[in-house]
């Protein structure tokens, strides 16, 4: 049963057709919910477990006070992801709410109930307007596969560095046989070392090299399998993206993860550009009119756009002509590439909107 921390005495007399707004402060094991009216009056607060039954109780509890159409949820990308998906399936608009600023917390204090109420007020005042990612489609599949692949690549890199560090301190006779080999040949050679029991430094070195090499081979096979799955998902759902020049599976996955399963939540291509960190920011003052580099946004998507820009600058005539024209206008190559990334973001956004429009009837 939910733990009630506050409830209005006249909740039973409240009109069932009155609109209410739900605010949720999410945690790993529990979610604290608050309900307010469209006039900003706090109706009730309660705590629910992060279980399937807890989600059903939370929704039923909130709907007992009126008509629920909007919900402000903190942490929709972490602790609140499952709740956001559940509410979205119930045709409730889930608004992503950031944590209150420090000034507000100094004035009002910090409790879970205060944060849940603040989330509801953020939706009511339109201070929070960003629609949360649904996280229930092929992009979520890509995110999970991309997460596992990135972990495998990181672990493989660490194992390769450890393997080379062990070789540096190995006996000269063993080290000479491994000098000059490529990473692939080095891994294969170390994996074929004889099986020995570590009894001294020499045998312990051989044993460690063999183990590390076998780990590298296993991680390489895992990474390639995950890459095949990622490519298969992309070809099944967004093949148009892979057909564009310079966009490979890694870049396509990074851009799709940033956009989410519901790219229609971004109403303009400027929103997607800002999300990728390629929209210039005004930094004007007085008579000075200038814009500075945007260092915000998703840096992985920003890096993907940069890779696409570099690839096109080498193999696409239209892109080379654009860079040369910007150079004649006085821009450095770095500045021209920044402008090019902005145009590529516009192209990607328009393509995502076309894909989303084409898939909507089938999804419905």
Protein backbone atom coordinates (compact mmCIF):
# COMPACT_ATOMS: atom_id res chain seq x y z
CA UNK A 1 0.00 0.00 0.00
CA UNK A 2 1.26 3.53 -0.67
CA UNK A 3 2.54 5.57 2.23
CA UNK A 4 0.42 8.75 2.49
CA UNK A 5 2.27 11.79 3.77
CA UNK A 6 -0.42 14.43 3.14
CA UNK A 7 -4.01 14.43 1.87
CA UNK A 8 -6.62 17.10 1.57
CA UNK A 9 -9.71 16.63 3.73
CA UNK A 10 -12.09 17.56 0.92
CA UNK A 11 -10.63 15.06 -1.58
CA UNK A 12 -13.85 13.06 -1.54
CA UNK A 13 -15.87 16.15 -2.48
CA UNK A 14 -13.58 17.16 -5.34
CA UNK A 15 -15.10 17.17 -8.82
CA UNK A 16 -14.05 14.09 -10.78
CA UNK A 17 -13.80 16.08 -14.03
CA UNK A 18 -11.34 18.67 -12.71
CA UNK A 19 -7.92 18.54 -14.29
CA UNK A 20 -4.98 17.76 -12.03
CA UNK A 21 -1.24 17.66 -12.55
CA UNK A 22 1.05 14.96 -11.21
CA UNK A 23 4.62 15.54 -10.07
CA UNK A 24 7.00 12.69 -9.24
CA UNK A 25 10.38 12.70 -7.51
CA UNK A 26 12.01 9.42 -8.56
CA UNK A 27 14.38 7.19 -6.62
CA UNK A 28 15.67 3.67 -7.05
CA UNK A 29 13.26 1.91 -4.68
CA UNK A 30 10.45 4.43 -4.22
CA UNK A 31 8.75 7.30 -6.05
CA UNK A 32 7.25 10.26 -4.21
CA UNK A 33 4.20 11.70 -5.99
CA UNK A 34 2.32 14.96 -5.53
CA UNK A 35 -0.98 16.10 -7.07
CA UNK A 36 -1.91 19.75 -7.57
CA UNK A 37 -4.87 21.48 -9.18
CA UNK A 38 -4.65 23.77 -12.19
CA UNK A 39 -4.73 26.63 -9.68
CA UNK A 40 -1.54 25.32 -8.05
CA UNK A 41 -3.17 24.04 -4.84
CA UNK A 42 -1.52 20.97 -3.37
CA UNK A 43 -4.07 18.16 -3.06
CA UNK A 44 -2.11 15.19 -1.74
CA UNK A 45 1.26 13.46 -1.67
CA UNK A 46 2.16 9.79 -1.34
CA UNK A 47 5.05 7.34 -1.68
CA UNK A 48 4.90 4.28 -3.94
CA UNK A 49 7.31 1.39 -4.55
CA UNK A 50 9.05 1.07 -7.92
CA UNK A 51 7.19 -2.07 -8.91
CA UNK A 52 4.50 -2.89 -11.46
CA UNK A 53 1.90 -2.90 -8.70
CA UNK A 54 3.32 0.37 -7.36
CA UNK A 55 2.95 2.05 -10.75
CA UNK A 56 -0.67 0.92 -10.98
CA UNK A 57 -1.37 2.19 -7.47
CA UNK A 58 0.27 5.53 -8.25
CA UNK A 59 -1.84 6.04 -11.37
CA UNK A 60 -5.07 4.98 -9.67
CA UNK A 61 -4.32 7.19 -6.69
CA UNK A 62 -3.66 10.23 -8.88
CA UNK A 63 -6.78 9.68 -11.00
CA UNK A 64 -8.93 9.50 -7.90
CA UNK A 65 -8.49 13.29 -7.54
CA UNK A 66 -9.50 14.26 -11.07
CA UNK A 67 -8.57 14.01 -14.74
CA UNK A 68 -4.85 13.34 -15.22
CA UNK A 69 -3.39 14.44 -18.57
CA UNK A 70 0.07 15.77 -17.67
CA UNK A 71 2.80 14.50 -15.36
CA UNK A 72 6.16 16.04 -14.50
CA UNK A 73 8.77 13.39 -13.75
CA UNK A 74 12.35 13.88 -12.61
CA UNK A 75 15.06 11.61 -13.98
CA UNK A 76 13.21 10.23 -17.00
CA UNK A 77 16.52 8.90 -18.30
CA UNK A 78 17.41 6.96 -15.15
CA UNK A 79 15.24 6.19 -12.12
CA UNK A 80 12.10 7.52 -13.78
CA UNK A 81 12.52 5.79 -17.15
CA UNK A 82 10.23 2.84 -16.39
CA UNK A 83 7.57 5.09 -14.85
CA UNK A 84 7.70 7.43 -17.85
CA UNK A 85 7.13 4.48 -20.20
CA UNK A 86 4.21 3.27 -18.10
CA UNK A 87 2.54 6.69 -18.01
CA UNK A 88 3.09 7.16 -21.73
CA UNK A 89 1.28 3.89 -22.43
CA UNK A 90 -1.64 5.25 -20.41
CA UNK A 91 -1.89 8.26 -22.79
CA UNK A 92 -0.45 10.70 -20.26
CA UNK A 93 1.93 13.42 -21.46
CA UNK A 94 5.17 12.98 -19.52
CA UNK A 95 7.17 16.20 -19.10
CA UNK A 96 10.85 15.95 -18.23
CA UNK A 97 11.60 18.07 -15.15
CA UNK A 98 15.07 19.13 -14.11
CA UNK A 99 16.10 19.38 -10.50
CA UNK A 100 15.21 22.68 -8.79
CA UNK A 101 17.98 25.25 -8.78
CA UNK A 102 20.03 25.83 -5.66
CA UNK A 103 18.44 29.19 -4.93
CA UNK A 104 14.98 27.63 -4.77
CA UNK A 105 16.24 24.83 -2.56
CA UNK A 106 17.79 27.31 -0.15
CA UNK A 107 14.44 29.07 0.16
CA UNK A 108 12.16 26.05 0.42
CA UNK A 109 14.41 23.31 1.73
CA UNK A 110 15.03 19.87 0.28
CA UNK A 111 12.67 16.94 0.79
CA UNK A 112 11.21 14.39 -1.59
CA UNK A 113 7.74 15.86 -1.09
CA UNK A 114 9.00 19.36 -1.91
CA UNK A 115 10.72 18.07 -5.05
CA UNK A 116 7.60 16.22 -6.22
CA UNK A 117 5.46 19.30 -5.65
CA UNK A 118 8.02 21.46 -7.46
CA UNK A 119 7.91 19.07 -10.43
CA UNK A 120 4.14 19.47 -10.68
CA UNK A 121 4.42 23.28 -10.42
CA UNK A 122 7.11 23.28 -13.12
CA UNK A 123 4.62 21.68 -15.51
CA UNK A 124 1.83 24.03 -14.47
CA UNK A 125 3.95 27.16 -14.94
CA UNK A 126 5.36 25.83 -18.26
CA UNK A 127 8.83 26.17 -16.82
CA UNK A 128 9.25 22.54 -17.88
CA UNK A 129 8.01 21.88 -21.42
CA UNK A 130 10.33 19.15 -22.75
CA UNK A 131 8.46 15.98 -23.63
CA UNK A 132 10.28 12.97 -22.21
CA UNK A 133 11.61 10.24 -24.46
CA UNK A 134 9.21 7.33 -24.69
CA UNK A 135 11.97 4.72 -24.58
CA UNK A 136 9.77 1.93 -25.94
CA UNK A 137 10.89 1.53 -29.55
CA UNK A 138 13.85 0.61 -31.74
CA UNK A 139 15.90 3.56 -30.50
CA UNK A 140 15.78 2.17 -26.97
CA UNK A 141 16.99 -1.14 -28.37
CA UNK A 142 19.86 0.71 -30.03
CA UNK A 143 20.70 2.49 -26.79
CA UNK A 144 20.96 -0.76 -24.87
CA UNK A 145 23.05 -2.47 -27.56
CA UNK A 146 25.25 0.61 -27.89
CA UNK A 147 25.78 0.65 -24.12
CA UNK A 148 26.91 -2.98 -24.11
CA UNK A 149 29.19 -2.46 -27.12
CA UNK A 150 30.82 0.64 -25.62
CA UNK A 151 31.54 -1.34 -22.46
CA UNK A 152 33.08 -4.18 -24.46
CA UNK A 153 35.28 -1.76 -26.45
CA UNK A 154 36.44 -0.03 -23.26
CA UNK A 155 37.27 -3.33 -21.56
CA UNK A 156 39.11 -4.57 -24.65
CA UNK A 157 41.21 -1.40 -24.81
CA UNK A 158 42.08 -1.78 -21.15
CA UNK A 159 43.06 -5.44 -21.66
CA UNK A 160 45.28 -4.54 -24.65
CA UNK A 161 47.07 -1.88 -22.61
CA UNK A 162 47.58 -4.34 -19.76
CA UNK A 163 48.91 -6.95 -22.19
CA UNK A 164 51.50 -4.53 -23.57
CA UNK A 165 52.45 -3.41 -20.07
CA UNK A 166 53.16 -7.02 -19.08
CA UNK A 167 55.27 -7.52 -22.21
CA UNK A 168 57.44 -4.51 -21.30
CA UNK A 169 58.53 -6.21 -18.05
CA UNK A 170 58.83 -9.72 -19.50
CA UNK A 171 62.09 -11.58 -19.98
CA UNK A 172 64.06 -10.46 -23.05
CA UNK A 173 63.74 -13.88 -24.71
CA UNK A 174 59.94 -13.74 -24.58
CA UNK A 175 59.77 -10.01 -25.31
CA UNK A 176 61.88 -10.36 -28.46
CA UNK A 177 59.46 -12.89 -29.93
CA UNK A 178 56.56 -10.43 -29.49
CA UNK A 179 58.27 -7.27 -30.72
CA UNK A 180 57.00 -5.73 -33.94
CA UNK A 181 53.71 -7.63 -34.08
CA UNK A 182 50.43 -5.87 -34.79
CA UNK A 183 47.72 -5.92 -32.16
CA UNK A 184 45.85 -8.74 -33.88
CA UNK A 185 48.98 -10.86 -34.39
CA UNK A 186 50.17 -10.10 -30.86
CA UNK A 187 46.86 -11.18 -29.37
CA UNK A 188 46.82 -14.37 -31.43
CA UNK A 189 50.40 -15.22 -30.53
CA UNK A 190 49.84 -14.67 -26.79
CA UNK A 191 46.61 -16.67 -26.84
CA UNK A 192 48.56 -19.64 -28.28
CA UNK A 193 51.19 -19.59 -25.54
CA UNK A 194 51.48 -22.91 -23.70
CA UNK A 195 49.30 -23.58 -20.69
CA UNK A 196 51.49 -23.35 -17.61
CA UNK A 197 50.92 -23.19 -13.90
CA UNK A 198 52.30 -19.96 -12.37
CA UNK A 199 55.13 -21.02 -10.09
CA UNK A 200 57.68 -18.27 -10.75
CA UNK A 201 57.88 -14.91 -12.50
CA UNK A 202 58.49 -16.39 -15.96
CA UNK A 203 55.57 -18.82 -15.84
CA UNK A 204 53.31 -16.21 -14.21
CA UNK A 205 54.13 -13.85 -17.10
CA UNK A 206 53.22 -16.46 -19.71
CA UNK A 207 50.05 -17.38 -17.83
CA UNK A 208 48.97 -13.72 -17.56
CA UNK A 209 49.69 -12.99 -21.22
CA UNK A 210 47.65 -16.00 -22.30
CA UNK A 211 44.71 -15.03 -20.09
CA UNK A 212 44.71 -11.40 -21.24
CA UNK A 213 44.92 -12.42 -24.91
CA UNK A 214 42.00 -14.81 -24.55
CA UNK A 215 40.02 -12.06 -22.85
CA UNK A 216 40.80 -9.69 -25.74
CA UNK A 217 39.61 -12.26 -28.27
CA UNK A 218 36.38 -12.86 -26.36
CA UNK A 219 35.69 -9.13 -26.07
CA UNK A 220 36.43 -8.65 -29.78
CA UNK A 221 33.93 -11.35 -30.70
CA UNK A 222 31.36 -9.81 -28.34
CA UNK A 223 31.88 -6.33 -29.80
CA UNK A 224 31.48 -7.59 -33.37
CA UNK A 225 28.30 -9.46 -32.50
CA UNK A 226 26.81 -6.36 -30.88
CA UNK A 227 27.82 -4.30 -33.91
CA UNK A 228 25.96 -6.73 -36.18
CA UNK A 229 22.84 -6.41 -34.02
CA UNK A 230 23.07 -2.60 -34.10
CA UNK A 231 23.41 -2.60 -37.88
CA UNK A 232 20.46 -5.00 -38.22
CA UNK A 233 18.22 -2.73 -36.13
CA UNK A 234 19.24 0.29 -38.19
CA UNK A 235 18.63 -1.46 -41.50
CA UNK A 236 15.24 -2.69 -40.32
CA UNK A 237 13.91 0.64 -39.02
CA UNK A 238 15.93 3.54 -40.50
CA UNK A 239 17.68 2.34 -43.68
CA UNK A 240 17.36 5.84 -45.19
CA UNK A 241 19.82 7.15 -42.61
CA UNK A 242 22.51 4.65 -43.58
CA UNK A 243 22.14 5.50 -47.26
CA UNK A 244 23.33 9.07 -46.71
CA UNK A 245 26.97 9.77 -47.48
CA UNK A 246 29.27 9.66 -44.47
CA UNK A 247 26.73 8.20 -42.01
CA UNK A 248 27.81 4.84 -40.65
CA UNK A 249 26.16 2.62 -38.04
CA UNK A 250 27.97 4.24 -35.10
CA UNK A 251 27.08 7.79 -36.11
CA UNK A 252 23.51 6.85 -36.99
CA UNK A 253 23.02 5.10 -33.64
CA UNK A 254 24.42 8.07 -31.70
CA UNK A 255 22.13 10.55 -33.48
CA UNK A 256 19.06 8.35 -33.07
CA UNK A 257 19.74 7.84 -29.37
CA UNK A 258 19.89 11.59 -28.93
CA UNK A 259 16.63 12.12 -30.83
CA UNK A 260 14.78 9.28 -29.06
CA UNK A 261 11.88 7.12 -30.20
CA UNK A 262 9.65 10.20 -30.48
CA UNK A 263 11.60 12.83 -32.46
CA UNK A 264 8.35 14.72 -32.98
CA UNK A 265 8.84 16.11 -29.46
CA UNK A 266 11.37 18.48 -31.08
CA UNK A 267 9.17 20.94 -32.96
CA UNK A 268 11.94 22.58 -34.99
CA UNK A 269 15.28 21.64 -36.42
CA UNK A 270 16.84 24.27 -34.17
CA UNK A 271 15.79 22.17 -31.18
CA UNK A 272 17.66 19.15 -32.56
CA UNK A 273 20.70 21.31 -33.33
CA UNK A 274 20.72 22.61 -29.76
CA UNK A 275 20.35 19.05 -28.47
CA UNK A 276 23.45 18.09 -30.46
CA UNK A 277 25.37 21.18 -29.33
CA UNK A 278 25.84 22.65 -32.82
CA UNK A 279 23.66 25.74 -32.47
CA UNK A 280 25.64 28.95 -31.86
CA UNK A 281 24.78 30.86 -28.69
CA UNK A 282 24.30 34.60 -28.60
CA UNK A 283 27.04 36.39 -26.66
CA UNK A 284 26.26 40.00 -27.61
CA UNK A 285 26.66 42.96 -25.30
CA UNK A 286 26.24 46.65 -26.04
CA UNK A 287 27.48 47.39 -29.53
CA UNK A 288 29.17 44.03 -29.80
CA UNK A 289 27.29 41.44 -31.81
CA UNK A 290 28.79 37.97 -31.69
CA UNK A 291 27.98 34.32 -31.10
CA UNK A 292 30.01 31.79 -29.22
CA UNK A 293 30.50 28.07 -29.51
CA UNK A 294 27.87 25.89 -27.90
CA UNK A 295 29.60 23.46 -25.54
CA UNK A 296 26.35 21.95 -24.28
CA UNK A 297 24.15 19.26 -25.73
CA UNK A 298 24.91 15.60 -26.25
CA UNK A 299 28.61 15.41 -26.98
CA UNK A 300 28.35 11.94 -28.53
CA UNK A 301 25.90 13.29 -31.10
CA UNK A 302 28.18 16.28 -31.61
CA UNK A 303 31.10 13.91 -32.26
CA UNK A 304 28.96 11.94 -34.72
CA UNK A 305 28.18 15.10 -36.69
CA UNK A 306 31.88 15.95 -36.69
CA UNK A 307 32.77 12.52 -38.11
CA UNK A 308 30.13 12.91 -40.82
CA UNK A 309 31.47 16.37 -41.70
CA UNK A 310 35.06 15.10 -41.97
CA UNK A 311 34.03 12.12 -44.10
CA UNK A 312 32.07 14.31 -46.48
CA UNK A 313 34.87 16.88 -46.69
CA UNK A 314 37.14 14.16 -48.06
CA UNK A 315 34.81 12.36 -50.45
CA UNK A 316 31.93 14.67 -51.43
CA UNK A 317 32.43 17.47 -53.95
CA UNK A 318 29.52 19.56 -52.70
CA UNK A 319 30.98 19.65 -49.19
CA UNK A 320 34.46 20.54 -50.44
CA UNK A 321 33.01 23.38 -52.50
CA UNK A 322 31.17 24.68 -49.45
CA UNK A 323 34.32 24.64 -47.30
CA UNK A 324 36.30 26.43 -50.00
CA UNK A 325 33.62 29.08 -50.37
CA UNK A 326 33.55 29.70 -46.61
CA UNK A 327 37.33 29.94 -46.60
CA UNK A 328 37.19 32.71 -49.22
CA UNK A 329 34.77 34.54 -46.92
CA UNK A 330 37.41 34.68 -44.19
CA UNK A 331 36.39 31.72 -42.03
CA UNK A 332 38.96 29.29 -40.72
CA UNK A 333 38.52 25.61 -41.48
CA UNK A 334 37.43 24.94 -37.89
CA UNK A 335 34.73 27.62 -38.13
CA UNK A 336 33.60 26.31 -41.52
CA UNK A 337 33.30 22.76 -40.14
CA UNK A 338 31.15 24.11 -37.29
CA UNK A 339 28.80 25.69 -39.82
CA UNK A 340 28.78 22.45 -41.79
CA UNK A 341 27.79 20.47 -38.69
CA UNK A 342 24.83 22.80 -38.26
CA UNK A 343 23.65 22.08 -41.81
CA UNK A 344 24.11 18.33 -41.33
CA UNK A 345 22.01 18.51 -38.15
CA UNK A 346 19.24 20.15 -40.21
CA UNK A 347 19.46 17.40 -42.80
CA UNK A 348 19.33 14.67 -40.14
CA UNK A 349 16.34 16.30 -38.43
CA UNK A 350 14.35 16.49 -41.66
CA UNK A 351 15.15 12.85 -42.38
CA UNK A 352 14.07 11.80 -38.88
CA UNK A 353 10.80 13.64 -39.28
CA UNK A 354 10.15 11.88 -42.60
CA UNK A 355 10.88 8.50 -41.03
CA UNK A 356 8.66 9.27 -38.04
CA UNK A 357 5.80 10.39 -40.29
CA UNK A 358 6.08 7.24 -42.40
CA UNK A 359 6.15 4.94 -39.35
CA UNK A 360 3.31 6.60 -37.39
CA UNK A 361 0.40 4.93 -39.25
CA UNK A 362 1.99 1.49 -38.87
CA UNK A 363 2.67 2.06 -35.19
CA UNK A 364 -0.91 3.21 -34.61
